């Protein structure tokens, strides 16, 4: 079941799996996601946006 939260911080506060995923990301990716915190409302949003940022920063 999809659960929407107000922002990234509410998501991480209420979903331990989302918080663990977020904390395991590189600092630069966490920082960029934090800058867009209102756009991350579900764990799926978090994974999708993190993946895009990780691919964009891949030097290969």
C-alpha atoms as a PDB file:
ATOM      1  CA  UNK A   1       0.000   0.000   0.000  1.00  0.00           C
ATOM      2  CA  UNK A   2       1.337   3.383  -1.025  1.00  0.00           C
ATOM      3  CA  UNK A   3       1.578   5.924   1.765  1.00  0.00           C
ATOM      4  CA  UNK A   4       2.164   9.605   1.016  1.00  0.00           C
ATOM      5  CA  UNK A   5       3.926  11.832   3.531  1.00  0.00           C
ATOM      6  CA  UNK A   6       4.258  15.612   3.696  1.00  0.00           C
ATOM      7  CA  UNK A   7       7.950  15.527   2.790  1.00  0.00           C
ATOM      8  CA  UNK A   8      11.193  13.548   2.924  1.00  0.00           C
ATOM      9  CA  UNK A   9      11.646  14.124   6.642  1.00  0.00           C
ATOM     10  CA  UNK A  10       8.167  12.858   7.524  1.00  0.00           C
ATOM     11  CA  UNK A  11       8.750   9.839   5.292  1.00  0.00           C
ATOM     12  CA  UNK A  12      12.018   8.979   7.057  1.00  0.00           C
ATOM     13  CA  UNK A  13      10.528   9.619  10.487  1.00  0.00           C
ATOM     14  CA  UNK A  14       7.645   7.193   9.897  1.00  0.00           C
ATOM     15  CA  UNK A  15       9.214   4.586   7.594  1.00  0.00           C
ATOM     16  CA  UNK A  16      12.350   2.908   9.019  1.00  0.00           C
ATOM     17  CA  UNK A  17      13.165   1.261   5.670  1.00  0.00           C
ATOM     18  CA  UNK A  18      13.075   4.625   3.881  1.00  0.00           C
ATOM     19  CA  UNK A  19      15.242   6.169   6.592  1.00  0.00           C
ATOM     20  CA  UNK A  20      17.813   3.352   6.346  1.00  0.00           C
ATOM     21  CA  UNK A  21      17.887   3.717   2.555  1.00  0.00           C
ATOM     22  CA  UNK A  22      18.305   7.496   2.803  1.00  0.00           C
ATOM     23  CA  UNK A  23      21.090   7.228   5.415  1.00  0.00           C
ATOM     24  CA  UNK A  24      22.994   4.725   3.226  1.00  0.00           C
ATOM     25  CA  UNK A  25      23.131   7.152   0.286  1.00  0.00           C
ATOM     26  CA  UNK A  26      26.269   9.228  -0.386  1.00  0.00           C
ATOM     27  CA  UNK A  27      26.321  12.615   1.356  1.00  0.00           C
ATOM     28  CA  UNK A  28      26.007  14.553  -1.911  1.00  0.00           C
ATOM     29  CA  UNK A  29      22.871  12.632  -2.890  1.00  0.00           C
ATOM     30  CA  UNK A  30      21.346  13.088   0.586  1.00  0.00           C
ATOM     31  CA  UNK A  31      22.070  16.799   0.403  1.00  0.00           C
ATOM     32  CA  UNK A  32      20.456  17.177  -3.012  1.00  0.00           C
ATOM     33  CA  UNK A  33      17.412  15.198  -1.935  1.00  0.00           C
ATOM     34  CA  UNK A  34      17.106  17.328   1.198  1.00  0.00           C
ATOM     35  CA  UNK A  35      17.026  20.398  -1.039  1.00  0.00           C
ATOM     36  CA  UNK A  36      13.967  18.889  -2.726  1.00  0.00           C
ATOM     37  CA  UNK A  37      12.389  17.519   0.446  1.00  0.00           C
ATOM     38  CA  UNK A  38       8.829  18.614  -0.443  1.00  0.00           C
ATOM     39  CA  UNK A  39       8.992  16.577  -3.686  1.00  0.00           C
ATOM     40  CA  UNK A  40       9.751  13.282  -1.905  1.00  0.00           C
ATOM     41  CA  UNK A  41       6.499  11.948  -0.478  1.00  0.00           C
ATOM     42  CA  UNK A  42       6.834   8.158  -0.806  1.00  0.00           C
ATOM     43  CA  UNK A  43       9.557   5.524  -0.587  1.00  0.00           C
ATOM     44  CA  UNK A  44       9.124   5.035  -4.358  1.00  0.00           C
ATOM     45  CA  UNK A  45       9.784   8.768  -4.888  1.00  0.00           C
ATOM     46  CA  UNK A  46      12.902   8.502  -2.746  1.00  0.00           C
ATOM     47  CA  UNK A  47      14.259   5.494  -4.643  1.00  0.00           C
ATOM     48  CA  UNK A  48      13.472   7.016  -8.065  1.00  0.00           C
ATOM     49  CA  UNK A  49      15.044  10.382  -7.303  1.00  0.00           C
ATOM     50  CA  UNK A  50      18.080   8.865  -5.591  1.00  0.00           C
ATOM     51  CA  UNK A  51      18.638   6.535  -8.534  1.00  0.00           C
ATOM     52  CA  UNK A  52      18.505   9.434 -10.983  1.00  0.00           C
ATOM     53  CA  UNK A  53      20.992  11.426  -8.914  1.00  0.00           C
ATOM     54  CA  UNK A  54      23.328   8.442  -8.569  1.00  0.00           C
ATOM     55  CA  UNK A  55      23.240   7.806 -12.331  1.00  0.00           C
ATOM     56  CA  UNK A  56      23.875  11.493 -13.072  1.00  0.00           C
ATOM     57  CA  UNK A  57      26.941  11.500 -10.831  1.00  0.00           C
ATOM     58  CA  UNK A  58      28.365   8.237 -12.222  1.00  0.00           C
ATOM     59  CA  UNK A  59      31.690   9.150 -13.919  1.00  0.00           C
ATOM     60  CA  UNK A  60      31.383   6.330 -16.460  1.00  0.00           C
END
